[in-house]
Amino acid sequence: MKKNDVKVGQTYLAKVTDKVVPVRIDGENPHGGWDATNTVTGKKVRIKSAQRLRGPAAARKAVDAATKKLLDAAKGDSAGKTVTKAEAVDGAMKAAATTKKSERAAKVEA
């Protein structure tokens, strides 16, 4: 991200230690960067540069929700048995392929 894109009060994904977590920007730090709060742990953190910010947290939630929806659809095909991660990914890939095929068919008909 760029320094000009950061707004106080917004929540962004930031790399803190070795993890990417949502942080709320509390204000600008007088020595540069921003003071923020890790929303997972509640601890105060300092973001020294915009390079640590990965983007708005809301965008990540939308991607996670779409992925979860596809994985749930894949699990629904298994009729109650335990599904491994590999099986869930295969199901999600099949669902995505089916969606693409139907979109192509709709374009050809139009």
C-alpha atoms as a PDB file:
ATOM      1  CA  MET A   1       0.000   0.000   0.000  1.00  0.00           C
ATOM      2  CA  LYS A   2       0.964   3.631  -0.212  1.00  0.00           C
ATOM      3  CA  LYS A   3       1.215   6.065   2.678  1.00  0.00           C
ATOM      4  CA  ASN A   4      -1.484   8.316   1.173  1.00  0.00           C
ATOM      5  CA  ASP A   5      -3.981   5.422   1.038  1.00  0.00           C
ATOM      6  CA  VAL A   6      -3.927   4.813   4.817  1.00  0.00           C
ATOM      7  CA  LYS A   7      -6.831   6.323   6.780  1.00  0.00           C
ATOM      8  CA  VAL A   8      -6.997   6.604  10.575  1.00  0.00           C
ATOM      9  CA  GLY A   9      -9.816   4.490  12.029  1.00  0.00           C
ATOM     10  CA  GLN A  10      -9.818   1.949   9.199  1.00  0.00           C
ATOM     11  CA  THR A  11      -8.895  -1.734   9.564  1.00  0.00           C
ATOM     12  CA  TYR A  12      -6.153  -3.169   7.369  1.00  0.00           C
ATOM     13  CA  LEU A  13      -4.337  -6.466   7.055  1.00  0.00           C
ATOM     14  CA  ALA A  14      -0.775  -5.997   8.277  1.00  0.00           C
ATOM     15  CA  LYS A  15       2.221  -8.226   8.731  1.00  0.00           C
ATOM     16  CA  VAL A  16       2.921  -8.340  12.467  1.00  0.00           C
ATOM     17  CA  THR A  17       5.856 -10.586  13.422  1.00  0.00           C
ATOM     18  CA  ASP A  18       5.376 -13.529  11.047  1.00  0.00           C
ATOM     19  CA  LYS A  19       1.597 -13.371  10.599  1.00  0.00           C
ATOM     20  CA  VAL A  20      -0.807 -11.289   8.551  1.00  0.00           C
ATOM     21  CA  VAL A  21      -3.502 -10.037  10.926  1.00  0.00           C
ATOM     22  CA  PRO A  22      -6.170  -7.309  10.900  1.00  0.00           C
ATOM     23  CA  VAL A  23      -5.090  -4.104  12.638  1.00  0.00           C
ATOM     24  CA  ARG A  24      -7.063  -0.921  13.337  1.00  0.00           C
ATOM     25  CA  ILE A  25      -5.124   2.300  12.719  1.00  0.00           C
ATOM     26  CA  ASP A  26      -5.501   4.448  15.861  1.00  0.00           C
ATOM     27  CA  GLY A  27      -3.456   7.455  14.792  1.00  0.00           C
ATOM     28  CA  GLU A  28      -0.214   8.743  13.343  1.00  0.00           C
ATOM     29  CA  ASN A  29       2.985   8.268  15.313  1.00  0.00           C
ATOM     30  CA  PRO A  30       5.057  11.461  15.802  1.00  0.00           C
ATOM     31  CA  HIS A  31       8.202   9.532  14.800  1.00  0.00           C
ATOM     32  CA  GLY A  32       6.635   8.325  11.549  1.00  0.00           C
ATOM     33  CA  GLY A  33       4.212   5.562  10.683  1.00  0.00           C
ATOM     34  CA  TRP A  34       1.069   4.753  12.645  1.00  0.00           C
ATOM     35  CA  ASP A  35      -0.022   3.486  16.030  1.00  0.00           C
ATOM     36  CA  ALA A  36      -2.423   0.585  15.612  1.00  0.00           C
ATOM     37  CA  THR A  37      -4.205  -2.142  17.560  1.00  0.00           C
ATOM     38  CA  ASN A  38      -4.044  -5.811  16.599  1.00  0.00           C
ATOM     39  CA  THR A  39      -7.735  -6.764  16.512  1.00  0.00           C
ATOM     40  CA  VAL A  40      -6.978 -10.441  17.158  1.00  0.00           C
ATOM     41  CA  THR A  41      -4.959  -9.968  20.368  1.00  0.00           C
ATOM     42  CA  GLY A  42      -5.914  -6.403  21.373  1.00  0.00           C
ATOM     43  CA  LYS A  43      -2.240  -5.428  21.700  1.00  0.00           C
ATOM     44  CA  LYS A  44      -0.889  -2.075  20.532  1.00  0.00           C
ATOM     45  CA  VAL A  45       1.501  -2.258  17.574  1.00  0.00           C
ATOM     46  CA  ARG A  46       3.459   0.294  15.609  1.00  0.00           C
ATOM     47  CA  ILE A  47       3.331   0.228  11.836  1.00  0.00           C
ATOM     48  CA  LYS A  48       6.510   1.954  10.712  1.00  0.00           C
ATOM     49  CA  SER A  49       5.800   1.952   6.989  1.00  0.00           C
ATOM     50  CA  ALA A  50       2.962   1.353   4.568  1.00  0.00           C
ATOM     51  CA  GLN A  51       4.858  -1.664   3.199  1.00  0.00           C
ATOM     52  CA  ARG A  52       3.651  -3.667   6.202  1.00  0.00           C
ATOM     53  CA  LEU A  53       0.014  -3.059   5.247  1.00  0.00           C
ATOM     54  CA  ARG A  54      -1.471  -5.564   2.808  1.00  0.00           C
ATOM     55  CA  GLY A  55      -4.785  -3.839   2.093  1.00  0.00           C
ATOM     56  CA  PRO A  56      -8.213  -3.296   3.644  1.00  0.00           C
ATOM     57  CA  ALA A  57      -9.362  -6.142   5.889  1.00  0.00           C
ATOM     58  CA  ALA A  58     -12.846  -6.178   4.295  1.00  0.00           C
ATOM     59  CA  ALA A  59     -11.418  -7.372   0.967  1.00  0.00           C
ATOM     60  CA  ARG A  60      -9.838 -10.394   2.631  1.00  0.00           C
ATOM     61  CA  LYS A  61     -13.094 -11.256   4.399  1.00  0.00           C
ATOM     62  CA  ALA A  62     -14.921 -11.355   1.059  1.00  0.00           C
ATOM     63  CA  VAL A  63     -12.351 -13.760  -0.407  1.00  0.00           C
ATOM     64  CA  ASP A  64     -12.456 -15.956   2.712  1.00  0.00           C
ATOM     65  CA  ALA A  65     -16.258 -16.060   2.591  1.00  0.00           C
ATOM     66  CA  ALA A  66     -16.252 -17.134  -1.062  1.00  0.00           C
ATOM     67  CA  THR A  67     -13.683 -19.848  -0.363  1.00  0.00           C
ATOM     68  CA  LYS A  68     -15.670 -21.103   2.626  1.00  0.00           C
ATOM     69  CA  LYS A  69     -18.824 -21.237   0.511  1.00  0.00           C
ATOM     70  CA  LEU A  70     -17.081 -23.384  -2.115  1.00  0.00           C
ATOM     71  CA  LEU A  71     -15.600 -25.693   0.529  1.00  0.00           C
ATOM     72  CA  ASP A  72     -19.002 -26.089   2.205  1.00  0.00           C
ATOM     73  CA  ALA A  73     -20.533 -26.981  -1.152  1.00  0.00           C
ATOM     74  CA  ALA A  74     -17.831 -29.593  -1.682  1.00  0.00           C
ATOM     75  CA  LYS A  75     -18.440 -31.059   1.768  1.00  0.00           C
ATOM     76  CA  GLY A  76     -22.182 -31.276   1.082  1.00  0.00           C
ATOM     77  CA  ASP A  77     -21.548 -33.783  -1.719  1.00  0.00           C
ATOM     78  CA  SER A  78     -19.961 -36.260   0.707  1.00  0.00           C
ATOM     79  CA  ALA A  79     -23.231 -37.095   2.562  1.00  0.00           C
ATOM     80  CA  GLY A  80     -21.970 -36.789   6.138  1.00  0.00           C
ATOM     81  CA  LYS A  81     -18.584 -38.522   5.935  1.00  0.00           C
ATOM     82  CA  THR A  82     -15.409 -36.825   7.120  1.00  0.00           C
ATOM     83  CA  VAL A  83     -13.775 -34.906   4.290  1.00  0.00           C
ATOM     84  CA  THR A  84     -10.043 -34.341   4.022  1.00  0.00           C
ATOM     85  CA  LYS A  85      -8.658 -30.985   2.978  1.00  0.00           C
ATOM     86  CA  ALA A  86      -7.579 -32.439  -0.385  1.00  0.00           C
ATOM     87  CA  GLU A  87     -11.093 -33.742  -1.057  1.00  0.00           C
ATOM     88  CA  ALA A  88     -12.598 -30.380  -0.155  1.00  0.00           C
ATOM     89  CA  VAL A  89     -10.206 -28.571  -2.511  1.00  0.00           C
ATOM     90  CA  ASP A  90     -11.037 -31.048  -5.304  1.00  0.00           C
ATOM     91  CA  GLY A  91     -14.739 -30.412  -4.754  1.00  0.00           C
ATOM     92  CA  ALA A  92     -14.214 -26.662  -4.826  1.00  0.00           C
ATOM     93  CA  MET A  93     -12.231 -26.928  -8.062  1.00  0.00           C
ATOM     94  CA  LYS A  94     -14.997 -29.021  -9.647  1.00  0.00           C
ATOM     95  CA  ALA A  95     -17.618 -26.483  -8.558  1.00  0.00           C
ATOM     96  CA  ALA A  96     -15.571 -23.639 -10.039  1.00  0.00           C
ATOM     97  CA  ALA A  97     -15.097 -25.545 -13.305  1.00  0.00           C
ATOM     98  CA  THR A  98     -18.836 -26.229 -13.527  1.00  0.00           C
ATOM     99  CA  THR A  99     -19.567 -22.538 -12.996  1.00  0.00           C
ATOM    100  CA  LYS A 100     -17.126 -21.543 -15.747  1.00  0.00           C
ATOM    101  CA  LYS A 101     -18.668 -24.067 -18.158  1.00  0.00           C
ATOM    102  CA  SER A 102     -22.161 -22.723 -17.535  1.00  0.00           C
ATOM    103  CA  GLU A 103     -20.946 -19.126 -18.005  1.00  0.00           C
ATOM    104  CA  ARG A 104     -19.342 -20.072 -21.357  1.00  0.00           C
ATOM    105  CA  ALA A 105     -22.529 -21.835 -22.456  1.00  0.00           C
ATOM    106  CA  ALA A 106     -24.580 -18.745 -21.576  1.00  0.00           C
ATOM    107  CA  LYS A 107     -22.236 -16.579 -23.679  1.00  0.00           C
ATOM    108  CA  VAL A 108     -22.542 -18.897 -26.667  1.00  0.00           C
ATOM    109  CA  GLU A 109     -26.353 -18.872 -26.435  1.00  0.00           C
ATOM    110  CA  ALA A 110     -26.444 -15.074 -26.218  1.00  0.00           C
END
